[in-house]
PDB file of N, CA and C in Angstrom:
ATOM      1  N   MET A   1     -11.728   1.368 -10.116  1.00  0.00           N
ATOM      2  CA  MET A   1     -10.473   1.125  -9.434  1.00  0.00           C
ATOM      3  C   MET A   1     -10.462   1.962  -8.159  1.00  0.00           C
ATOM      4  N   ALA A   2     -10.029   1.367  -7.080  1.00  0.00           N
ATOM      5  CA  ALA A   2     -10.001   2.040  -5.782  1.00  0.00           C
ATOM      6  C   ALA A   2      -8.567   2.336  -5.363  1.00  0.00           C
ATOM      7  N   SER A   3      -8.445   3.293  -4.472  1.00  0.00           N
ATOM      8  CA  SER A   3      -7.144   3.646  -3.899  1.00  0.00           C
ATOM      9  C   SER A   3      -7.118   3.232  -2.443  1.00  0.00           C
ATOM     10  N   TYR A   4      -5.980   2.707  -2.009  1.00  0.00           N
ATOM     11  CA  TYR A   4      -5.844   2.186  -0.653  1.00  0.00           C
ATOM     12  C   TYR A   4      -4.541   2.659  -0.028  1.00  0.00           C
ATOM     13  N   VAL A   5      -4.523   2.644   1.289  1.00  0.00           N
ATOM     14  CA  VAL A   5      -3.282   2.782   2.029  1.00  0.00           C
ATOM     15  C   VAL A   5      -3.068   1.457   2.755  1.00  0.00           C
ATOM     16  N   VAL A   6      -1.860   0.932   2.678  1.00  0.00           N
ATOM     17  CA  VAL A   6      -1.485  -0.309   3.356  1.00  0.00           C
ATOM     18  C   VAL A   6      -0.389   0.048   4.355  1.00  0.00           C
ATOM     19  N   ILE A   7      -0.626  -0.273   5.608  1.00  0.00           N
ATOM     20  CA  ILE A   7       0.348  -0.011   6.667  1.00  0.00           C
ATOM     21  C   ILE A   7       0.720  -1.350   7.273  1.00  0.00           C
ATOM     22  N   THR A   8       2.006  -1.630   7.358  1.00  0.00           N
ATOM     23  CA  THR A   8       2.445  -2.939   7.836  1.00  0.00           C
ATOM     24  C   THR A   8       3.654  -2.820   8.755  1.00  0.00           C
ATOM     25  N   SER A   9       3.842  -3.845   9.546  1.00  0.00           N
ATOM     26  CA  SER A   9       5.014  -3.898  10.426  1.00  0.00           C
ATOM     27  C   SER A   9       6.231  -4.462   9.707  1.00  0.00           C
ATOM     28  N   ILE A  10       6.039  -4.939   8.493  1.00  0.00           N
ATOM     29  CA  ILE A  10       7.126  -5.592   7.764  1.00  0.00           C
ATOM     30  C   ILE A  10       8.224  -4.578   7.429  1.00  0.00           C
ATOM     31  N   ASN A  11       9.463  -5.049   7.438  1.00  0.00           N
ATOM     32  CA  ASN A  11      10.577  -4.192   7.030  1.00  0.00           C
ATOM     33  C   ASN A  11      11.435  -4.943   6.019  1.00  0.00           C
ATOM     34  N   LYS A  12      12.347  -4.242   5.397  1.00  0.00           N
ATOM     35  CA  LYS A  12      13.150  -4.826   4.321  1.00  0.00           C
ATOM     36  C   LYS A  12      14.008  -5.991   4.772  1.00  0.00           C
ATOM     37  N   ASN A  13      14.264  -6.122   6.051  1.00  0.00           N
ATOM     38  CA  ASN A  13      15.078  -7.222   6.556  1.00  0.00           C
ATOM     39  C   ASN A  13      14.265  -8.475   6.839  1.00  0.00           C
ATOM     40  N   SER A  14      12.953  -8.377   6.773  1.00  0.00           N
ATOM     41  CA  SER A  14      12.088  -9.521   7.050  1.00  0.00           C
ATOM     42  C   SER A  14      12.194 -10.542   5.924  1.00  0.00           C
ATOM     43  N   LYS A  15      12.134 -11.814   6.293  1.00  0.00           N
ATOM     44  CA  LYS A  15      12.171 -12.852   5.258  1.00  0.00           C
ATOM     45  C   LYS A  15      10.906 -12.833   4.407  1.00  0.00           C
ATOM     46  N   ASP A  16       9.835 -12.192   4.892  1.00  0.00           N
ATOM     47  CA  ASP A  16       8.582 -12.111   4.153  1.00  0.00           C
ATOM     48  C   ASP A  16       8.516 -10.899   3.223  1.00  0.00           C
ATOM     49  N   PHE A  17       9.507 -10.012   3.269  1.00  0.00           N
ATOM     50  CA  PHE A  17       9.430  -8.753   2.525  1.00  0.00           C
ATOM     51  C   PHE A  17       9.291  -8.978   1.019  1.00  0.00           C
ATOM     52  N   GLY A  18      10.055  -9.885   0.452  1.00  0.00           N
ATOM     53  CA  GLY A  18       9.976 -10.153  -0.989  1.00  0.00           C
ATOM     54  C   GLY A  18       8.602 -10.634  -1.403  1.00  0.00           C
ATOM     55  N   ASN A  19       8.025 -11.554  -0.622  1.00  0.00           N
ATOM     56  CA  ASN A  19       6.678 -12.043  -0.917  1.00  0.00           C
ATOM     57  C   ASN A  19       5.656 -10.916  -0.828  1.00  0.00           C
ATOM     58  N   PHE A  20       5.786 -10.085   0.208  1.00  0.00           N
ATOM     59  CA  PHE A  20       4.881  -8.950   0.385  1.00  0.00           C
ATOM     60  C   PHE A  20       4.967  -8.003  -0.809  1.00  0.00           C
ATOM     61  N   MET A  21       6.172  -7.673  -1.240  1.00  0.00           N
ATOM     62  CA  MET A  21       6.339  -6.766  -2.376  1.00  0.00           C
ATOM     63  C   MET A  21       5.779  -7.362  -3.663  1.00  0.00           C
ATOM     64  N   ASP A  22       5.902  -8.684  -3.839  1.00  0.00           N
ATOM     65  CA  ASP A  22       5.298  -9.342  -5.000  1.00  0.00           C
ATOM     66  C   ASP A  22       3.789  -9.135  -5.005  1.00  0.00           C
ATOM     67  N   VAL A  23       3.154  -9.281  -3.842  1.00  0.00           N
ATOM     68  CA  VAL A  23       1.708  -9.077  -3.747  1.00  0.00           C
ATOM     69  C   VAL A  23       1.354  -7.634  -4.097  1.00  0.00           C
ATOM     70  N   ILE A  24       2.062  -6.686  -3.515  1.00  0.00           N
ATOM     71  CA  ILE A  24       1.780  -5.272  -3.789  1.00  0.00           C
ATOM     72  C   ILE A  24       1.898  -4.983  -5.285  1.00  0.00           C
ATOM     73  N   GLU A  25       2.943  -5.481  -5.913  1.00  0.00           N
ATOM     74  CA  GLU A  25       3.146  -5.238  -7.343  1.00  0.00           C
ATOM     75  C   GLU A  25       2.106  -5.950  -8.196  1.00  0.00           C
ATOM     76  N   ASN A  26       1.707  -7.171  -7.807  1.00  0.00           N
ATOM     77  CA  ASN A  26       0.775  -7.953  -8.610  1.00  0.00           C
ATOM     78  C   ASN A  26      -0.677  -7.529  -8.455  1.00  0.00           C
ATOM     79  N   CYS A  27      -1.033  -6.906  -7.341  1.00  0.00           N
ATOM     80  CA  CYS A  27      -2.439  -6.555  -7.132  1.00  0.00           C
ATOM     81  C   CYS A  27      -2.728  -5.097  -7.456  1.00  0.00           C
ATOM     82  N   SER A  28      -1.734  -4.330  -7.850  1.00  0.00           N
ATOM     83  CA  SER A  28      -1.977  -2.905  -8.053  1.00  0.00           C
ATOM     84  C   SER A  28      -1.480  -2.427  -9.413  1.00  0.00           C
ATOM     85  N   SER A  29      -2.150  -1.406  -9.924  1.00  0.00           N
ATOM     86  CA  SER A  29      -1.692  -0.782 -11.166  1.00  0.00           C
ATOM     87  C   SER A  29      -0.694   0.330 -10.871  1.00  0.00           C
ATOM     88  N   PHE A  30      -0.669   0.793  -9.623  1.00  0.00           N
ATOM     89  CA  PHE A  30       0.280   1.811  -9.185  1.00  0.00           C
ATOM     90  C   PHE A  30       0.549   1.587  -7.710  1.00  0.00           C
ATOM     91  N   SER A  31       1.798   1.714  -7.308  1.00  0.00           N
ATOM     92  CA  SER A  31       2.118   1.649  -5.878  1.00  0.00           C
ATOM     93  C   SER A  31       3.245   2.624  -5.589  1.00  0.00           C
ATOM     94  N   TRP A  32       3.204   3.184  -4.392  1.00  0.00           N
ATOM     95  CA  TRP A  32       4.235   4.127  -3.966  1.00  0.00           C
ATOM     96  C   TRP A  32       4.315   4.079  -2.459  1.00  0.00           C
ATOM     97  N   HIS A  33       5.517   4.140  -1.930  1.00  0.00           N
ATOM     98  CA  HIS A  33       5.655   4.193  -0.474  1.00  0.00           C
ATOM     99  C   HIS A  33       6.686   5.230  -0.098  1.00  0.00           C
ATOM    100  N   PHE A  34       6.514   5.736   1.119  1.00  0.00           N
ATOM    101  CA  PHE A  34       7.467   6.702   1.640  1.00  0.00           C
ATOM    102  C   PHE A  34       8.788   5.988   1.887  1.00  0.00           C
ATOM    103  N   PRO A  35       9.890   6.584   1.495  1.00  0.00           N
ATOM    104  CA  PRO A  35      11.191   5.974   1.795  1.00  0.00           C
ATOM    105  C   PRO A  35      11.344   5.735   3.298  1.00  0.00           C
ATOM    106  N   HIS A  36      11.899   4.612   3.642  1.00  0.00           N
ATOM    107  CA  HIS A  36      12.177   4.249   5.033  1.00  0.00           C
ATOM    108  C   HIS A  36      10.909   4.128   5.871  1.00  0.00           C
ATOM    109  N   SER A  37       9.811   3.740   5.261  1.00  0.00           N
ATOM    110  CA  SER A  37       8.591   3.539   6.041  1.00  0.00           C
ATOM    111  C   SER A  37       7.895   2.278   5.575  1.00  0.00           C
ATOM    112  N   SER A  38       6.868   1.910   6.284  1.00  0.00           N
ATOM    113  CA  SER A  38       6.079   0.730   5.943  1.00  0.00           C
ATOM    114  C   SER A  38       4.665   1.138   5.567  1.00  0.00           C
ATOM    115  N   VAL A  39       4.553   2.235   4.841  1.00  0.00           N
ATOM    116  CA  VAL A  39       3.265   2.734   4.371  1.00  0.00           C
ATOM    117  C   VAL A  39       3.289   2.752   2.849  1.00  0.00           C
ATOM    118  N   TRP A  40       2.344   2.041   2.233  1.00  0.00           N
ATOM    119  CA  TRP A  40       2.230   1.994   0.780  1.00  0.00           C
ATOM    120  C   TRP A  40       0.894   2.579   0.372  1.00  0.00           C
ATOM    121  N   PHE A  41       0.891   3.335  -0.699  1.00  0.00           N
ATOM    122  CA  PHE A  41      -0.331   3.798  -1.338  1.00  0.00           C
ATOM    123  C   PHE A  41      -0.449   3.013  -2.630  1.00  0.00           C
ATOM    124  N   ILE A  42      -1.602   2.378  -2.848  1.00  0.00           N
ATOM    125  CA  ILE A  42      -1.773   1.566  -4.049  1.00  0.00           C
ATOM    126  C   ILE A  42      -3.104   1.890  -4.712  1.00  0.00           C
ATOM    127  N   LYS A  43      -3.176   1.605  -5.999  1.00  0.00           N
ATOM    128  CA  LYS A  43      -4.411   1.708  -6.768  1.00  0.00           C
ATOM    129  C   LYS A  43      -4.667   0.310  -7.315  1.00  0.00           C
ATOM    130  N   SER A  44      -5.883  -0.216  -7.094  1.00  0.00           N
ATOM    131  CA  SER A  44      -6.129  -1.616  -7.426  1.00  0.00           C
ATOM    132  C   SER A  44      -7.587  -1.856  -7.796  1.00  0.00           C
ATOM    133  N   ASP A  45      -7.800  -2.871  -8.631  1.00  0.00           N
ATOM    134  CA  ASP A  45      -9.150  -3.344  -8.936  1.00  0.00           C
ATOM    135  C   ASP A  45      -9.635  -4.353  -7.903  1.00  0.00           C
ATOM    136  N   PHE A  46      -8.744  -4.812  -7.029  1.00  0.00           N
ATOM    137  CA  PHE A  46      -9.110  -5.787  -6.010  1.00  0.00           C
ATOM    138  C   PHE A  46      -9.770  -5.104  -4.817  1.00  0.00           C
ATOM    139  N   SER A  47     -10.589  -5.859  -4.090  1.00  0.00           N
ATOM    140  CA  SER A  47     -11.239  -5.344  -2.880  1.00  0.00           C
ATOM    141  C   SER A  47     -10.273  -5.399  -1.701  1.00  0.00           C
ATOM    142  N   THR A  48     -10.642  -4.725  -0.613  1.00  0.00           N
ATOM    143  CA  THR A  48      -9.810  -4.796   0.589  1.00  0.00           C
ATOM    144  C   THR A  48      -9.693  -6.236   1.066  1.00  0.00           C
ATOM    145  N   GLU A  49     -10.785  -6.995   0.954  1.00  0.00           N
ATOM    146  CA  GLU A  49     -10.754  -8.395   1.383  1.00  0.00           C
ATOM    147  C   GLU A  49      -9.782  -9.213   0.544  1.00  0.00           C
ATOM    148  N   ASP A  50      -9.827  -9.020  -0.777  1.00  0.00           N
ATOM    149  CA  ASP A  50      -8.916  -9.758  -1.664  1.00  0.00           C
ATOM    150  C   ASP A  50      -7.455  -9.411  -1.379  1.00  0.00           C
ATOM    151  N   ILE A  51      -7.163  -8.126  -1.233  1.00  0.00           N
ATOM    152  CA  ILE A  51      -5.786  -7.703  -0.964  1.00  0.00           C
ATOM    153  C   ILE A  51      -5.333  -8.219   0.394  1.00  0.00           C
ATOM    154  N   THR A  52      -6.223  -8.169   1.385  1.00  0.00           N
ATOM    155  CA  THR A  52      -5.901  -8.704   2.712  1.00  0.00           C
ATOM    156  C   THR A  52      -5.526 -10.173   2.623  1.00  0.00           C
ATOM    157  N   ASP A  53      -6.325 -10.958   1.904  1.00  0.00           N
ATOM    158  CA  ASP A  53      -6.034 -12.387   1.759  1.00  0.00           C
ATOM    159  C   ASP A  53      -4.688 -12.611   1.080  1.00  0.00           C
ATOM    160  N   MET A  54      -4.403 -11.835   0.038  1.00  0.00           N
ATOM    161  CA  MET A  54      -3.134 -12.001  -0.678  1.00  0.00           C
ATOM    162  C   MET A  54      -1.942 -11.641   0.209  1.00  0.00           C
ATOM    163  N   ILE A  55      -2.062 -10.549   0.955  1.00  0.00           N
ATOM    164  CA  ILE A  55      -0.964 -10.163   1.848  1.00  0.00           C
ATOM    165  C   ILE A  55      -0.789 -11.204   2.941  1.00  0.00           C
ATOM    166  N   TYR A  56      -1.885 -11.622   3.553  1.00  0.00           N
ATOM    167  CA  TYR A  56      -1.812 -12.615   4.632  1.00  0.00           C
ATOM    168  C   TYR A  56      -1.135 -13.888   4.138  1.00  0.00           C
ATOM    169  N   ASP A  57      -1.513 -14.336   2.950  1.00  0.00           N
ATOM    170  CA  ASP A  57      -0.926 -15.561   2.394  1.00  0.00           C
ATOM    171  C   ASP A  57       0.555 -15.401   2.063  1.00  0.00           C
ATOM    172  N   SER A  58       1.036 -14.172   1.905  1.00  0.00           N
ATOM    173  CA  SER A  58       2.448 -13.964   1.570  1.00  0.00           C
ATOM    174  C   SER A  58       3.356 -14.044   2.791  1.00  0.00           C
ATOM    175  N   PHE A  59       2.792 -13.965   3.989  1.00  0.00           N
ATOM    176  CA  PHE A  59       3.592 -14.015   5.212  1.00  0.00           C
ATOM    177  C   PHE A  59       3.803 -15.459   5.639  1.00  0.00           C
ATOM    178  N   ASP A  60       5.050 -15.815   5.928  1.00  0.00           N
ATOM    179  CA  ASP A  60       5.364 -17.155   6.415  1.00  0.00           C
ATOM    180  C   ASP A  60       5.299 -17.230   7.932  1.00  0.00           C
ATOM    181  N   THR A  61       5.281 -16.101   8.577  1.00  0.00           N
ATOM    182  CA  THR A  61       5.311 -16.084  10.038  1.00  0.00           C
ATOM    183  C   THR A  61       4.139 -15.290  10.577  1.00  0.00           C
ATOM    184  N   ASP A  62       3.897 -15.439  11.855  1.00  0.00           N
ATOM    185  CA  ASP A  62       2.856 -14.669  12.527  1.00  0.00           C
ATOM    186  C   ASP A  62       3.419 -13.373  13.105  1.00  0.00           C
ATOM    187  N   ASP A  63       4.679 -13.060  12.778  1.00  0.00           N
ATOM    188  CA  ASP A  63       5.336 -11.884  13.339  1.00  0.00           C
ATOM    189  C   ASP A  63       4.931 -10.587  12.659  1.00  0.00           C
ATOM    190  N   GLU A  64       4.290 -10.666  11.513  1.00  0.00           N
ATOM    191  CA  GLU A  64       3.948  -9.470  10.751  1.00  0.00           C
ATOM    192  C   GLU A  64       2.500  -9.067  11.026  1.00  0.00           C
ATOM    193  N   SER A  65       2.219  -7.780  10.894  1.00  0.00           N
ATOM    194  CA  SER A  65       0.851  -7.280  11.009  1.00  0.00           C
ATOM    195  C   SER A  65       0.655  -6.195   9.959  1.00  0.00           C
ATOM    196  N   PHE A  66      -0.597  -5.942   9.599  1.00  0.00           N
ATOM    197  CA  PHE A  66      -0.884  -4.920   8.601  1.00  0.00           C
ATOM    198  C   PHE A  66      -2.344  -4.501   8.688  1.00  0.00           C
ATOM    199  N   VAL A  67      -2.630  -3.350   8.093  1.00  0.00           N
ATOM    200  CA  VAL A  67      -3.998  -2.868   7.943  1.00  0.00           C
ATOM    201  C   VAL A  67      -4.095  -2.233   6.559  1.00  0.00           C
ATOM    202  N   ILE A  68      -5.246  -2.380   5.930  1.00  0.00           N
ATOM    203  CA  ILE A  68      -5.487  -1.761   4.630  1.00  0.00           C
ATOM    204  C   ILE A  68      -6.788  -0.978   4.731  1.00  0.00           C
ATOM    205  N   ALA A  69      -6.805   0.219   4.162  1.00  0.00           N
ATOM    206  CA  ALA A  69      -8.002   1.056   4.199  1.00  0.00           C
ATOM    207  C   ALA A  69      -8.193   1.726   2.844  1.00  0.00           C
ATOM    208  N   GLU A  70      -9.450   1.790   2.410  1.00  0.00           N
ATOM    209  CA  GLU A  70      -9.753   2.490   1.167  1.00  0.00           C
ATOM    210  C   GLU A  70      -9.693   3.996   1.407  1.00  0.00           C
ATOM    211  N   LEU A  71      -9.127   4.699   0.453  1.00  0.00           N
ATOM    212  CA  LEU A  71      -8.965   6.147   0.571  1.00  0.00           C
ATOM    213  C   LEU A  71     -10.071   6.885  -0.167  1.00  0.00           C
ATOM    214  N   LYS A  72     -10.472   7.985   0.371  1.00  0.00           N
ATOM    215  CA  LYS A  72     -11.396   8.908  -0.285  1.00  0.00           C
ATOM    216  C   LYS A  72     -10.648  10.217  -0.500  1.00  0.00           C
ATOM    217  N   ASN A  73     -11.204  11.112  -1.266  1.00  0.00           N
ATOM    218  CA  ASN A  73     -10.505  12.357  -1.577  1.00  0.00           C
ATOM    219  C   ASN A  73     -10.726  13.394  -0.477  1.00  0.00           C
ATOM    220  N   ASN A  74     -10.325  13.053   0.718  1.00  0.00           N
ATOM    221  CA  ASN A  74     -10.367  13.948   1.870  1.00  0.00           C
ATOM    222  C   ASN A  74      -9.042  13.756   2.580  1.00  0.00           C
ATOM    223  N   LYS A  75      -8.110  14.646   2.329  1.00  0.00           N
ATOM    224  CA  LYS A  75      -6.747  14.410   2.800  1.00  0.00           C
ATOM    225  C   LYS A  75      -6.111  15.700   3.291  1.00  0.00           C
ATOM    226  N   GLN A  76      -5.239  15.564   4.240  1.00  0.00           N
ATOM    227  CA  GLN A  76      -4.424  16.656   4.757  1.00  0.00           C
ATOM    228  C   GLN A  76      -3.119  16.053   5.253  1.00  0.00           C
ATOM    229  N   GLY A  77      -2.083  16.824   5.287  1.00  0.00           N
ATOM    230  CA  GLY A  77      -0.825  16.341   5.834  1.00  0.00           C
ATOM    231  C   GLY A  77       0.325  17.243   5.454  1.00  0.00           C
ATOM    232  N   TRP A  78       1.469  16.938   6.005  1.00  0.00           N
ATOM    233  CA  TRP A  78       2.695  17.675   5.700  1.00  0.00           C
ATOM    234  C   TRP A  78       3.569  16.806   4.815  1.00  0.00           C
ATOM    235  N   LEU A  79       3.533  17.068   3.538  1.00  0.00           N
ATOM    236  CA  LEU A  79       4.356  16.366   2.562  1.00  0.00           C
ATOM    237  C   LEU A  79       5.063  17.400   1.706  1.00  0.00           C
ATOM    238  N   THR A  80       6.091  16.952   1.012  1.00  0.00           N
ATOM    239  CA  THR A  80       6.733  17.846   0.056  1.00  0.00           C
ATOM    240  C   THR A  80       5.804  18.028  -1.143  1.00  0.00           C
ATOM    241  N   ASP A  81       6.041  19.047  -1.931  1.00  0.00           N
ATOM    242  CA  ASP A  81       5.247  19.247  -3.146  1.00  0.00           C
ATOM    243  C   ASP A  81       5.360  18.041  -4.067  1.00  0.00           C
ATOM    244  N   ASP A  82       6.554  17.466  -4.183  1.00  0.00           N
ATOM    245  CA  ASP A  82       6.738  16.278  -5.025  1.00  0.00           C
ATOM    246  C   ASP A  82       5.902  15.104  -4.524  1.00  0.00           C
ATOM    247  N   GLN A  83       5.871  14.882  -3.214  1.00  0.00           N
ATOM    248  CA  GLN A  83       5.081  13.788  -2.655  1.00  0.00           C
ATOM    249  C   GLN A  83       3.592  14.017  -2.892  1.00  0.00           C
ATOM    250  N   TRP A  84       3.103  15.244  -2.681  1.00  0.00           N
ATOM    251  CA  TRP A  84       1.695  15.546  -2.962  1.00  0.00           C
ATOM    252  C   TRP A  84       1.389  15.333  -4.438  1.00  0.00           C
ATOM    253  N   ASN A  85       2.292  15.731  -5.322  1.00  0.00           N
ATOM    254  CA  ASN A  85       2.071  15.537  -6.755  1.00  0.00           C
ATOM    255  C   ASN A  85       1.947  14.060  -7.099  1.00  0.00           C
ATOM    256  N   ILE A  86       2.797  13.222  -6.527  1.00  0.00           N
ATOM    257  CA  ILE A  86       2.712  11.777  -6.773  1.00  0.00           C
ATOM    258  C   ILE A  86       1.351  11.254  -6.341  1.00  0.00           C
ATOM    259  N   LEU A  87       0.934  11.590  -5.125  1.00  0.00           N
ATOM    260  CA  LEU A  87      -0.353  11.101  -4.622  1.00  0.00           C
ATOM    261  C   LEU A  87      -1.525  11.677  -5.415  1.00  0.00           C
ATOM    262  N   ASN A  88      -1.524  12.974  -5.652  1.00  0.00           N
ATOM    263  CA  ASN A  88      -2.642  13.598  -6.365  1.00  0.00           C
ATOM    264  C   ASN A  88      -2.757  13.111  -7.802  1.00  0.00           C
ATOM    265  N   ASN A  89      -1.637  12.869  -8.469  1.00  0.00           N
ATOM    266  CA  ASN A  89      -1.663  12.452  -9.868  1.00  0.00           C
ATOM    267  C   ASN A  89      -1.888  10.959 -10.062  1.00  0.00           C
ATOM    268  N   ASN A  90      -1.648  10.154  -9.028  1.00  0.00           N
ATOM    269  CA  ASN A  90      -1.732   8.703  -9.196  1.00  0.00           C
ATOM    270  C   ASN A  90      -2.737   8.020  -8.281  1.00  0.00           C
ATOM    271  N   ILE A  91      -2.940   8.518  -7.103  1.00  0.00           N
ATOM    272  CA  ILE A  91      -3.853   7.884  -6.149  1.00  0.00           C
ATOM    273  C   ILE A  91      -5.205   8.594  -6.119  1.00  0.00           C
ATOM    274  N   PHE A  92      -5.193   9.915  -6.061  1.00  0.00           N
ATOM    275  CA  PHE A  92      -6.433  10.683  -5.940  1.00  0.00           C
ATOM    276  C   PHE A  92      -6.916  11.253  -7.268  1.00  0.00           C
ATOM    277  N   SER A  93      -6.319  10.872  -8.369  1.00  0.00           N
ATOM    278  CA  SER A  93      -6.576  11.513  -9.660  1.00  0.00           C
ATOM    279  C   SER A  93      -7.989  11.317 -10.190  1.00  0.00           C
ATOM    280  N   ASP A  94      -8.628  10.202  -9.916  1.00  0.00           N
ATOM    281  CA  ASP A  94      -9.962   9.962 -10.481  1.00  0.00           C
ATOM    282  C   ASP A  94     -11.049   9.939  -9.413  1.00  0.00           C
ATOM    283  N   MET A  95     -10.821  10.638  -8.333  1.00  0.00           N
ATOM    284  CA  MET A  95     -11.827  10.687  -7.264  1.00  0.00           C
ATOM    285  C   MET A  95     -12.649  11.941  -7.388  1.00  0.00           C
TER     286      MET A  95
END
């Protein structure tokens, strides 16, 4: 199982948001995103290509954009202890 970060231009007001969230929930065993942002961390058995195809197919318009990248256990940043615990225990736990 791999860990990924998904960054998208989609927001909660987009008509595609529900479809996008269905894909995220259906393709991952764990997902978490920062409140008020369009960054999701997911753990999935699917490849980047498979997830890309599923996300692309969920958009009804060409107005949305996204990128997905596989994560490795090389990380730095300014997060709260709770946020680091979520990521370390669920995304980076088996790396």
